[in-house]
Amino acid sequence: MDKKDITYTIAAFCIILVIAFVIKPITTGQPVNTGLSFVTPSPSITAPPLVVYANITSIITTSPPPPTTPPTTLPTPVPTWNGKTQTVSFVNPDTYGISSNKSLPQGTRINVTKPDTSLTVYATISGKYSGTTQVINIPFPYWELSYTIDPMIGPKSGPTIVSIAITPTLGQGTSYSGVQGSYGSVSSEFSIQVMDASDPNRIVRSISPPGGIDPDLWAGITRATPAVTTAPKYAEVVPTATLSSTDPRPWTEKFFEGQRGYYFIINSQYLNSYTIRILIPTRYIGKY
């Protein structure tokens, strides 16, 4: 046998070994039998496949806690006065942070300049009889109404002499008396109704002379009590004039409202004349 045949024989033998010990076990699922003994390792727990996730940065926003409602506090009751006079005592100045070596803080300086209280006549109403005026616009927040009257019966016409006739009865008949002279049985009357022009149903104020109209009282005249005798037939009552005078004219009414229109309803009886003046503070001029 030559060398070439021997080579072919060895190659065929190797192929048979590979088929028998390698290919056949693989195809049948059996382990490869190489004739060598190997230590079979114990089965181990297979770790799950490692999964790589993307790097995600989580932003956690912390919300502020909800506002808490403060507990309801009841107002401190105002202490009431028991009607007894309190005595205020002195304390140490250090209580208020004031050193006894320092002078007390000075207060606000008071302006010694007196305010202008002069008044200026804004409008006048004069007459003798009753009537209703036109609307007068008063754009000022404060104004005064000054009025005066001249009654028909008064001291301007001279002293009033009243004669009372006395008829003595001498025990029979009926006695009677009569009145002679310039004494009048009527009395003067005067009143003013201040009306709101924007609301005709609103009477701002009703004004009349306080104490009534008594010219004798204003002039300080008092009447003497007549002496009733049987002779002479007429007894005279002569007013006694004194040096004192209590004439209240003119009267003044103050109004702490304004900046609107007004009209006046005037009631006049047995007057020679009346005069009404509307006065405003002089300092208002040019400001309203």
C-alpha atoms as a PDB file:
ATOM      1  CA  MET A   1       0.000   0.000   0.000  1.00  0.00           C
ATOM      2  CA  ASP A   2       1.418   3.247  -0.995  1.00  0.00           C
ATOM      3  CA  LYS A   3       1.565   6.527   0.943  1.00  0.00           C
ATOM      4  CA  LYS A   4      -1.342   8.085  -0.868  1.00  0.00           C
ATOM      5  CA  ASP A   5      -3.746   5.361   0.103  1.00  0.00           C
ATOM      6  CA  ILE A   6      -2.684   5.562   3.715  1.00  0.00           C
ATOM      7  CA  THR A   7      -3.520   9.320   3.725  1.00  0.00           C
ATOM      8  CA  TYR A   8      -6.961   8.682   2.334  1.00  0.00           C
ATOM      9  CA  THR A   9      -7.629   5.986   4.896  1.00  0.00           C
ATOM     10  CA  ILE A  10      -6.647   8.220   7.820  1.00  0.00           C
ATOM     11  CA  ALA A  11      -8.844  11.081   6.502  1.00  0.00           C
ATOM     12  CA  ALA A  12     -11.831   8.780   6.132  1.00  0.00           C
ATOM     13  CA  PHE A  13     -11.303   7.480   9.636  1.00  0.00           C
ATOM     14  CA  CYS A  14     -11.257  11.086  11.036  1.00  0.00           C
ATOM     15  CA  ILE A  15     -14.429  11.927   9.201  1.00  0.00           C
ATOM     16  CA  ILE A  16     -16.164   8.897  10.694  1.00  0.00           C
ATOM     17  CA  LEU A  17     -15.044   9.934  14.175  1.00  0.00           C
ATOM     18  CA  VAL A  18     -16.339  13.485  13.726  1.00  0.00           C
ATOM     19  CA  ILE A  19     -19.716  12.218  12.493  1.00  0.00           C
ATOM     20  CA  ALA A  20     -20.012   9.705  15.334  1.00  0.00           C
ATOM     21  CA  PHE A  21     -18.936  11.854  18.227  1.00  0.00           C
ATOM     22  CA  VAL A  22     -19.812  15.436  17.193  1.00  0.00           C
ATOM     23  CA  ILE A  23     -22.421  15.784  14.459  1.00  0.00           C
ATOM     24  CA  LYS A  24     -24.695  12.913  15.567  1.00  0.00           C
ATOM     25  CA  PRO A  25     -24.998  14.121  19.242  1.00  0.00           C
ATOM     26  CA  ILE A  26     -25.709  17.627  18.087  1.00  0.00           C
ATOM     27  CA  THR A  27     -28.479  16.478  15.800  1.00  0.00           C
ATOM     28  CA  THR A  28     -30.035  14.248  18.461  1.00  0.00           C
ATOM     29  CA  GLY A  29     -29.695  16.832  21.293  1.00  0.00           C
ATOM     30  CA  GLN A  30     -27.236  14.660  23.298  1.00  0.00           C
ATOM     31  CA  PRO A  31     -23.978  15.901  24.712  1.00  0.00           C
ATOM     32  CA  VAL A  32     -20.876  15.341  22.667  1.00  0.00           C
ATOM     33  CA  ASN A  33     -19.103  12.156  23.750  1.00  0.00           C
ATOM     34  CA  THR A  34     -15.423  12.752  23.419  1.00  0.00           C
ATOM     35  CA  GLY A  35     -14.463   9.977  25.786  1.00  0.00           C
ATOM     36  CA  LEU A  36     -13.124  12.460  28.290  1.00  0.00           C
ATOM     37  CA  SER A  37     -14.672  12.939  31.743  1.00  0.00           C
ATOM     38  CA  PHE A  38     -15.681  16.512  32.654  1.00  0.00           C
ATOM     39  CA  VAL A  39     -17.105  17.873  35.936  1.00  0.00           C
ATOM     40  CA  THR A  40     -20.570  19.107  35.185  1.00  0.00           C
ATOM     41  CA  PRO A  41     -21.096  22.413  36.964  1.00  0.00           C
ATOM     42  CA  SER A  42     -24.136  22.818  39.160  1.00  0.00           C
ATOM     43  CA  PRO A  43     -26.950  24.775  37.568  1.00  0.00           C
ATOM     44  CA  SER A  44     -26.933  28.471  38.453  1.00  0.00           C
ATOM     45  CA  ILE A  45     -29.698  30.996  38.585  1.00  0.00           C
ATOM     46  CA  THR A  46     -29.753  32.909  35.361  1.00  0.00           C
ATOM     47  CA  ALA A  47     -29.977  36.599  35.940  1.00  0.00           C
ATOM     48  CA  PRO A  48     -32.573  38.425  33.932  1.00  0.00           C
ATOM     49  CA  PRO A  49     -31.303  40.398  31.031  1.00  0.00           C
ATOM     50  CA  LEU A  50     -30.023  43.789  31.886  1.00  0.00           C
ATOM     51  CA  VAL A  51     -32.204  46.491  30.441  1.00  0.00           C
ATOM     52  CA  VAL A  52     -30.698  49.904  30.137  1.00  0.00           C
ATOM     53  CA  TYR A  53     -33.178  52.723  30.410  1.00  0.00           C
ATOM     54  CA  ALA A  54     -32.666  56.206  29.245  1.00  0.00           C
ATOM     55  CA  ASN A  55     -31.446  58.646  31.852  1.00  0.00           C
ATOM     56  CA  ILE A  56     -34.584  60.523  32.833  1.00  0.00           C
ATOM     57  CA  THR A  57     -34.238  63.419  35.256  1.00  0.00           C
ATOM     58  CA  SER A  58     -37.387  63.838  37.278  1.00  0.00           C
ATOM     59  CA  ILE A  59     -38.245  67.387  38.348  1.00  0.00           C
ATOM     60  CA  ILE A  60     -40.244  67.378  41.549  1.00  0.00           C
ATOM     61  CA  THR A  61     -42.178  70.604  42.110  1.00  0.00           C
ATOM     62  CA  THR A  62     -42.913  71.197  45.740  1.00  0.00           C
ATOM     63  CA  SER A  63     -46.220  73.068  46.062  1.00  0.00           C
ATOM     64  CA  PRO A  64     -46.576  75.449  48.996  1.00  0.00           C
ATOM     65  CA  PRO A  65     -48.747  74.232  51.809  1.00  0.00           C
ATOM     66  CA  PRO A  66     -52.319  75.526  51.733  1.00  0.00           C
ATOM     67  CA  PRO A  67     -52.836  78.730  53.704  1.00  0.00           C
ATOM     68  CA  THR A  68     -54.017  78.180  57.184  1.00  0.00           C
ATOM     69  CA  THR A  69     -56.943  80.229  58.391  1.00  0.00           C
ATOM     70  CA  PRO A  70     -56.039  82.025  61.613  1.00  0.00           C
ATOM     71  CA  PRO A  71     -58.346  81.313  64.480  1.00  0.00           C
ATOM     72  CA  THR A  72     -61.184  83.761  64.861  1.00  0.00           C
ATOM     73  CA  THR A  73     -60.562  86.104  67.742  1.00  0.00           C
ATOM     74  CA  LEU A  74     -63.406  87.926  69.340  1.00  0.00           C
ATOM     75  CA  PRO A  75     -62.968  91.700  69.771  1.00  0.00           C
ATOM     76  CA  THR A  76     -61.975  92.813  73.197  1.00  0.00           C
ATOM     77  CA  PRO A  77     -65.062  94.212  74.889  1.00  0.00           C
ATOM     78  CA  VAL A  78     -64.909  97.913  75.579  1.00  0.00           C
ATOM     79  CA  PRO A  79     -64.929  98.466  79.310  1.00  0.00           C
ATOM     80  CA  THR A  80     -67.913 100.375  80.552  1.00  0.00           C
ATOM     81  CA  TRP A  81     -67.789 103.190  83.052  1.00  0.00           C
ATOM     82  CA  ASN A  82     -69.211 102.421  86.473  1.00  0.00           C
ATOM     83  CA  GLY A  83     -70.125 106.065  87.076  1.00  0.00           C
ATOM     84  CA  LYS A  84     -67.364 106.663  89.615  1.00  0.00           C
ATOM     85  CA  THR A  85     -64.769 109.385  89.168  1.00  0.00           C
ATOM     86  CA  GLN A  86     -61.324 107.934  88.496  1.00  0.00           C
ATOM     87  CA  THR A  87     -58.106 109.195  90.008  1.00  0.00           C
ATOM     88  CA  VAL A  88     -55.157 109.378  87.602  1.00  0.00           C
ATOM     89  CA  SER A  89     -51.813 108.883  89.339  1.00  0.00           C
ATOM     90  CA  PHE A  90     -48.248 109.543  88.200  1.00  0.00           C
ATOM     91  CA  VAL A  91     -45.864 106.843  86.966  1.00  0.00           C
ATOM     92  CA  ASN A  92     -42.148 106.562  86.335  1.00  0.00           C
ATOM     93  CA  PRO A  93     -41.277 108.263  83.003  1.00  0.00           C
ATOM     94  CA  ASP A  94     -39.206 105.190  82.100  1.00  0.00           C
ATOM     95  CA  THR A  95     -42.523 103.402  81.557  1.00  0.00           C
ATOM     96  CA  TYR A  96     -42.897 105.332  78.299  1.00  0.00           C
ATOM     97  CA  GLY A  97     -39.210 105.329  77.433  1.00  0.00           C
ATOM     98  CA  ILE A  98     -38.716 108.884  78.660  1.00  0.00           C
ATOM     99  CA  SER A  99     -35.593 109.617  80.622  1.00  0.00           C
ATOM    100  CA  SER A 100     -36.066 111.739  83.675  1.00  0.00           C
ATOM    101  CA  ASN A 101     -32.965 113.709  82.647  1.00  0.00           C
ATOM    102  CA  LYS A 102     -34.469 114.725  79.326  1.00  0.00           C
ATOM    103  CA  SER A 103     -37.120 117.284  78.701  1.00  0.00           C
ATOM    104  CA  LEU A 104     -40.542 116.109  77.649  1.00  0.00           C
ATOM    105  CA  PRO A 105     -41.229 116.084  73.911  1.00  0.00           C
ATOM    106  CA  GLN A 106     -42.844 119.238  72.660  1.00  0.00           C
ATOM    107  CA  GLY A 107     -46.295 119.030  71.146  1.00  0.00           C
ATOM    108  CA  THR A 108     -47.495 120.525  67.912  1.00  0.00           C
ATOM    109  CA  ARG A 109     -47.297 124.260  67.923  1.00  0.00           C
ATOM    110  CA  ILE A 110     -50.699 125.887  68.023  1.00  0.00           C
ATOM    111  CA  ASN A 111     -51.287 128.511  65.419  1.00  0.00           C
ATOM    112  CA  VAL A 112     -52.156 131.643  67.320  1.00  0.00           C
ATOM    113  CA  THR A 113     -53.526 133.332  64.214  1.00  0.00           C
ATOM    114  CA  LYS A 114     -57.257 133.732  64.697  1.00  0.00           C
ATOM    115  CA  PRO A 115     -59.423 132.594  61.816  1.00  0.00           C
ATOM    116  CA  ASP A 116     -61.313 135.164  59.831  1.00  0.00           C
ATOM    117  CA  THR A 117     -64.841 135.162  61.278  1.00  0.00           C
ATOM    118  CA  SER A 118     -66.134 138.188  59.414  1.00  0.00           C
ATOM    119  CA  LEU A 119     -69.329 137.836  57.393  1.00  0.00           C
ATOM    120  CA  THR A 120     -70.359 139.295  54.059  1.00  0.00           C
ATOM    121  CA  VAL A 121     -73.924 140.008  52.931  1.00  0.00           C
ATOM    122  CA  TYR A 122     -74.717 137.603  50.096  1.00  0.00           C
ATOM    123  CA  ALA A 123     -78.395 138.492  49.498  1.00  0.00           C
ATOM    124  CA  THR A 124     -81.164 140.593  51.048  1.00  0.00           C
ATOM    125  CA  ILE A 125     -84.944 140.271  51.207  1.00  0.00           C
ATOM    126  CA  SER A 126     -87.023 143.214  52.350  1.00  0.00           C
ATOM    127  CA  GLY A 127     -90.730 143.940  52.360  1.00  0.00           C
ATOM    128  CA  LYS A 128     -93.859 144.451  54.417  1.00  0.00           C
ATOM    129  CA  TYR A 129     -96.353 141.812  53.377  1.00  0.00           C
ATOM    130  CA  SER A 130     -96.441 138.035  53.190  1.00  0.00           C
ATOM    131  CA  GLY A 131     -95.052 136.327  50.123  1.00  0.00           C
ATOM    132  CA  THR A 132     -92.854 133.652  48.565  1.00  0.00           C
ATOM    133  CA  THR A 133     -89.420 134.484  47.185  1.00  0.00           C
ATOM    134  CA  GLN A 134     -87.666 133.240  44.093  1.00  0.00           C
ATOM    135  CA  VAL A 135     -85.047 130.477  44.372  1.00  0.00           C
ATOM    136  CA  ILE A 136     -81.728 131.674  45.761  1.00  0.00           C
ATOM    137  CA  ASN A 137     -78.706 129.498  45.017  1.00  0.00           C
ATOM    138  CA  ILE A 138     -76.316 129.298  47.993  1.00  0.00           C
ATOM    139  CA  PRO A 139     -73.125 127.474  46.905  1.00  0.00           C
ATOM    140  CA  PHE A 140     -71.457 127.692  50.312  1.00  0.00           C
ATOM    141  CA  PRO A 141     -71.327 124.895  52.944  1.00  0.00           C
ATOM    142  CA  TYR A 142     -72.249 127.283  55.760  1.00  0.00           C
ATOM    143  CA  TRP A 143     -74.384 130.416  55.883  1.00  0.00           C
ATOM    144  CA  GLU A 144     -76.417 132.497  58.295  1.00  0.00           C
ATOM    145  CA  LEU A 145     -79.845 134.113  58.068  1.00  0.00           C
ATOM    146  CA  SER A 146     -80.223 137.404  59.929  1.00  0.00           C
ATOM    147  CA  TYR A 147     -83.633 139.081  60.142  1.00  0.00           C
ATOM    148  CA  THR A 148     -85.256 142.032  61.862  1.00  0.00           C
ATOM    149  CA  ILE A 149     -88.789 143.467  61.938  1.00  0.00           C
ATOM    150  CA  ASP A 150     -90.498 146.763  62.669  1.00  0.00           C
ATOM    151  CA  PRO A 151     -93.922 146.107  64.223  1.00  0.00           C
ATOM    152  CA  MET A 152     -96.759 148.572  63.740  1.00  0.00           C
ATOM    153  CA  ILE A 153     -97.368 148.911  67.476  1.00  0.00           C
ATOM    154  CA  GLY A 154     -94.186 149.812  69.207  1.00  0.00           C
ATOM    155  CA  PRO A 155     -92.142 152.441  71.028  1.00  0.00           C
ATOM    156  CA  LYS A 156     -91.278 154.267  67.793  1.00  0.00           C
ATOM    157  CA  SER A 157     -94.697 155.976  67.808  1.00  0.00           C
ATOM    158  CA  GLY A 158     -94.192 157.272  71.352  1.00  0.00           C
ATOM    159  CA  PRO A 159     -95.512 156.131  74.753  1.00  0.00           C
ATOM    160  CA  THR A 160     -98.871 154.431  74.677  1.00  0.00           C
ATOM    161  CA  ILE A 161    -101.483 155.852  77.053  1.00  0.00           C
ATOM    162  CA  VAL A 162    -104.440 153.694  78.016  1.00  0.00           C
ATOM    163  CA  SER A 163    -107.521 155.329  79.579  1.00  0.00           C
ATOM    164  CA  ILE A 164    -109.973 153.118  81.404  1.00  0.00           C
ATOM    165  CA  ALA A 165    -113.412 154.600  82.094  1.00  0.00           C
ATOM    166  CA  ILE A 166    -114.918 153.707  85.489  1.00  0.00           C
ATOM    167  CA  THR A 167    -118.622 154.264  86.264  1.00  0.00           C
ATOM    168  CA  PRO A 168    -119.313 153.944  89.986  1.00  0.00           C
ATOM    169  CA  THR A 169    -122.583 152.223  90.875  1.00  0.00           C
ATOM    170  CA  LEU A 170    -123.077 153.665  94.379  1.00  0.00           C
ATOM    171  CA  GLY A 171    -125.070 150.574  95.297  1.00  0.00           C
ATOM    172  CA  GLN A 172    -127.384 150.554  92.267  1.00  0.00           C
ATOM    173  CA  GLY A 173    -127.203 149.900  88.520  1.00  0.00           C
ATOM    174  CA  THR A 174    -124.487 147.980  86.653  1.00  0.00           C
ATOM    175  CA  SER A 175    -120.875 149.099  86.429  1.00  0.00           C
ATOM    176  CA  TYR A 176    -119.045 149.014  83.072  1.00  0.00           C
ATOM    177  CA  SER A 177    -115.719 150.097  81.663  1.00  0.00           C
ATOM    178  CA  GLY A 178    -114.508 151.413  78.303  1.00  0.00           C
ATOM    179  CA  VAL A 179    -111.144 151.699  76.618  1.00  0.00           C
ATOM    180  CA  GLN A 180    -109.825 154.840  74.973  1.00  0.00           C
ATOM    181  CA  GLY A 181    -106.446 155.845  73.521  1.00  0.00           C
ATOM    182  CA  SER A 182    -104.014 154.309  70.999  1.00  0.00           C
ATOM    183  CA  TYR A 183    -103.918 150.808  72.464  1.00  0.00           C
ATOM    184  CA  GLY A 184    -104.494 148.156  69.794  1.00  0.00           C
ATOM    185  CA  SER A 185    -106.022 144.708  70.294  1.00  0.00           C
ATOM    186  CA  VAL A 186    -104.022 143.120  67.434  1.00  0.00           C
ATOM    187  CA  SER A 187    -100.521 141.708  67.674  1.00  0.00           C
ATOM    188  CA  SER A 188     -97.812 141.544  65.056  1.00  0.00           C
ATOM    189  CA  GLU A 189     -96.759 138.178  63.594  1.00  0.00           C
ATOM    190  CA  PHE A 190     -93.792 137.126  61.538  1.00  0.00           C
ATOM    191  CA  SER A 191     -92.398 133.768  60.429  1.00  0.00           C
ATOM    192  CA  ILE A 192     -90.096 132.370  57.750  1.00  0.00           C
ATOM    193  CA  GLN A 193     -90.131 128.907  56.222  1.00  0.00           C
ATOM    194  CA  VAL A 194     -86.848 127.938  54.541  1.00  0.00           C
ATOM    195  CA  MET A 195     -87.629 125.494  51.713  1.00  0.00           C
ATOM    196  CA  ASP A 196     -85.324 123.183  49.755  1.00  0.00           C
ATOM    197  CA  ALA A 197     -85.726 124.042  46.066  1.00  0.00           C
ATOM    198  CA  SER A 198     -84.641 120.550  44.986  1.00  0.00           C
ATOM    199  CA  ASP A 199     -87.274 118.954  47.243  1.00  0.00           C
ATOM    200  CA  PRO A 200     -90.333 121.182  47.698  1.00  0.00           C
ATOM    201  CA  ASN A 201     -91.746 118.792  50.311  1.00  0.00           C
ATOM    202  CA  ARG A 202     -88.769 119.381  52.591  1.00  0.00           C
ATOM    203  CA  ILE A 203     -89.010 122.238  55.052  1.00  0.00           C
ATOM    204  CA  VAL A 204     -85.427 122.983  56.022  1.00  0.00           C
ATOM    205  CA  ARG A 205     -86.414 125.153  58.990  1.00  0.00           C
ATOM    206  CA  SER A 206     -89.334 127.161  60.346  1.00  0.00           C
ATOM    207  CA  ILE A 207     -88.241 130.438  61.930  1.00  0.00           C
ATOM    208  CA  SER A 208     -90.074 132.910  64.145  1.00  0.00           C
ATOM    209  CA  PRO A 209     -88.845 135.520  66.667  1.00  0.00           C
ATOM    210  CA  PRO A 210     -87.954 133.705  69.917  1.00  0.00           C
ATOM    211  CA  GLY A 211     -90.169 134.904  72.743  1.00  0.00           C
ATOM    212  CA  GLY A 212     -92.661 136.508  70.363  1.00  0.00           C
ATOM    213  CA  ILE A 213     -92.974 140.157  69.391  1.00  0.00           C
ATOM    214  CA  ASP A 214     -93.122 142.488  72.395  1.00  0.00           C
ATOM    215  CA  PRO A 215     -91.838 146.002  71.563  1.00  0.00           C
ATOM    216  CA  ASP A 216     -92.429 147.282  75.094  1.00  0.00           C
ATOM    217  CA  LEU A 217     -90.296 144.490  76.544  1.00  0.00           C
ATOM    218  CA  TRP A 218     -87.547 145.164  74.001  1.00  0.00           C
ATOM    219  CA  ALA A 219     -87.496 148.866  74.941  1.00  0.00           C
ATOM    220  CA  GLY A 220     -87.539 148.159  78.673  1.00  0.00           C
ATOM    221  CA  ILE A 221     -91.004 149.682  79.178  1.00  0.00           C
ATOM    222  CA  THR A 222     -93.255 148.365  81.943  1.00  0.00           C
ATOM    223  CA  ARG A 223     -96.863 149.335  82.513  1.00  0.00           C
ATOM    224  CA  ALA A 224     -98.012 150.730  85.839  1.00  0.00           C
ATOM    225  CA  THR A 225    -101.099 149.286  87.534  1.00  0.00           C
ATOM    226  CA  PRO A 226    -104.017 151.736  87.215  1.00  0.00           C
ATOM    227  CA  ALA A 227    -105.496 153.133  90.391  1.00  0.00           C
ATOM    228  CA  VAL A 228    -109.270 152.751  90.232  1.00  0.00           C
ATOM    229  CA  THR A 229    -111.135 155.535  92.030  1.00  0.00           C
ATOM    230  CA  THR A 230    -114.548 157.143  91.800  1.00  0.00           C
ATOM    231  CA  ALA A 231    -113.045 160.524  90.895  1.00  0.00           C
ATOM    232  CA  PRO A 232    -111.813 161.538  88.476  1.00  0.00           C
ATOM    233  CA  LYS A 233    -113.891 159.583  86.021  1.00  0.00           C
ATOM    234  CA  TYR A 234    -110.883 158.381  83.977  1.00  0.00           C
ATOM    235  CA  ALA A 235    -107.784 156.796  85.431  1.00  0.00           C
ATOM    236  CA  GLU A 236    -104.643 156.907  83.289  1.00  0.00           C
ATOM    237  CA  VAL A 237    -102.151 154.103  82.873  1.00  0.00           C
ATOM    238  CA  VAL A 238     -98.809 155.525  81.727  1.00  0.00           C
ATOM    239  CA  PRO A 239     -96.008 153.125  80.674  1.00  0.00           C
ATOM    240  CA  THR A 240     -92.930 153.533  82.803  1.00  0.00           C
ATOM    241  CA  ALA A 241     -89.702 153.692  80.754  1.00  0.00           C
ATOM    242  CA  THR A 242     -86.535 152.248  82.236  1.00  0.00           C
ATOM    243  CA  LEU A 243     -82.925 152.608  81.140  1.00  0.00           C
ATOM    244  CA  SER A 244     -82.451 148.901  80.389  1.00  0.00           C
ATOM    245  CA  SER A 245     -83.019 147.586  76.874  1.00  0.00           C
ATOM    246  CA  THR A 246     -83.384 143.951  75.831  1.00  0.00           C
ATOM    247  CA  ASP A 247     -84.042 144.424  72.122  1.00  0.00           C
ATOM    248  CA  PRO A 248     -83.013 141.091  70.520  1.00  0.00           C
ATOM    249  CA  ARG A 249     -83.094 142.351  66.957  1.00  0.00           C
ATOM    250  CA  PRO A 250     -81.670 141.215  64.654  1.00  0.00           C
ATOM    251  CA  TRP A 251     -82.104 137.487  65.161  1.00  0.00           C
ATOM    252  CA  THR A 252     -79.637 135.046  63.603  1.00  0.00           C
ATOM    253  CA  GLU A 253     -80.095 131.490  62.408  1.00  0.00           C
ATOM    254  CA  LYS A 254     -77.069 129.341  61.481  1.00  0.00           C
ATOM    255  CA  PHE A 255     -77.220 126.748  58.703  1.00  0.00           C
ATOM    256  CA  PHE A 256     -74.558 124.062  58.499  1.00  0.00           C
ATOM    257  CA  GLU A 257     -75.679 122.998  55.066  1.00  0.00           C
ATOM    258  CA  GLY A 258     -75.728 124.626  51.684  1.00  0.00           C
ATOM    259  CA  GLN A 259     -74.520 124.153  48.108  1.00  0.00           C
ATOM    260  CA  ARG A 260     -78.092 124.069  46.854  1.00  0.00           C
ATOM    261  CA  GLY A 261     -81.014 126.339  46.098  1.00  0.00           C
ATOM    262  CA  TYR A 262     -83.549 127.648  48.613  1.00  0.00           C
ATOM    263  CA  TYR A 263     -86.698 129.729  48.585  1.00  0.00           C
ATOM    264  CA  PHE A 264     -88.481 131.410  51.486  1.00  0.00           C
ATOM    265  CA  ILE A 265     -92.151 131.537  52.464  1.00  0.00           C
ATOM    266  CA  ILE A 266     -92.741 134.660  54.587  1.00  0.00           C
ATOM    267  CA  ASN A 267     -95.783 135.293  56.762  1.00  0.00           C
ATOM    268  CA  SER A 268     -96.128 138.924  57.881  1.00  0.00           C
ATOM    269  CA  GLN A 269     -98.990 140.564  59.777  1.00  0.00           C
ATOM    270  CA  TYR A 270     -99.178 144.083  61.207  1.00  0.00           C
ATOM    271  CA  LEU A 271     -95.567 144.977  60.431  1.00  0.00           C
ATOM    272  CA  ASN A 272     -94.227 148.233  59.080  1.00  0.00           C
ATOM    273  CA  SER A 273     -91.342 146.347  57.435  1.00  0.00           C
ATOM    274  CA  TYR A 274     -88.996 143.401  57.686  1.00  0.00           C
ATOM    275  CA  THR A 275     -85.473 142.806  56.414  1.00  0.00           C
ATOM    276  CA  ILE A 276     -83.789 139.454  55.854  1.00  0.00           C
ATOM    277  CA  ARG A 277     -80.079 139.142  55.114  1.00  0.00           C
ATOM    278  CA  ILE A 278     -78.178 136.037  54.005  1.00  0.00           C
ATOM    279  CA  LEU A 279     -74.625 136.157  55.317  1.00  0.00           C
ATOM    280  CA  ILE A 280     -71.618 134.050  54.305  1.00  0.00           C
ATOM    281  CA  PRO A 281     -68.097 133.859  55.797  1.00  0.00           C
ATOM    282  CA  THR A 282     -65.811 136.310  54.050  1.00  0.00           C
ATOM    283  CA  ARG A 283     -63.134 133.633  53.707  1.00  0.00           C
ATOM    284  CA  TYR A 284     -65.435 131.704  51.345  1.00  0.00           C
ATOM    285  CA  ILE A 285     -65.250 134.415  48.690  1.00  0.00           C
ATOM    286  CA  GLY A 286     -63.277 133.166  45.706  1.00  0.00           C
ATOM    287  CA  LYS A 287     -63.305 129.539  46.866  1.00  0.00           C
ATOM    288  CA  TYR A 288     -66.811 128.531  45.779  1.00  0.00           C
END
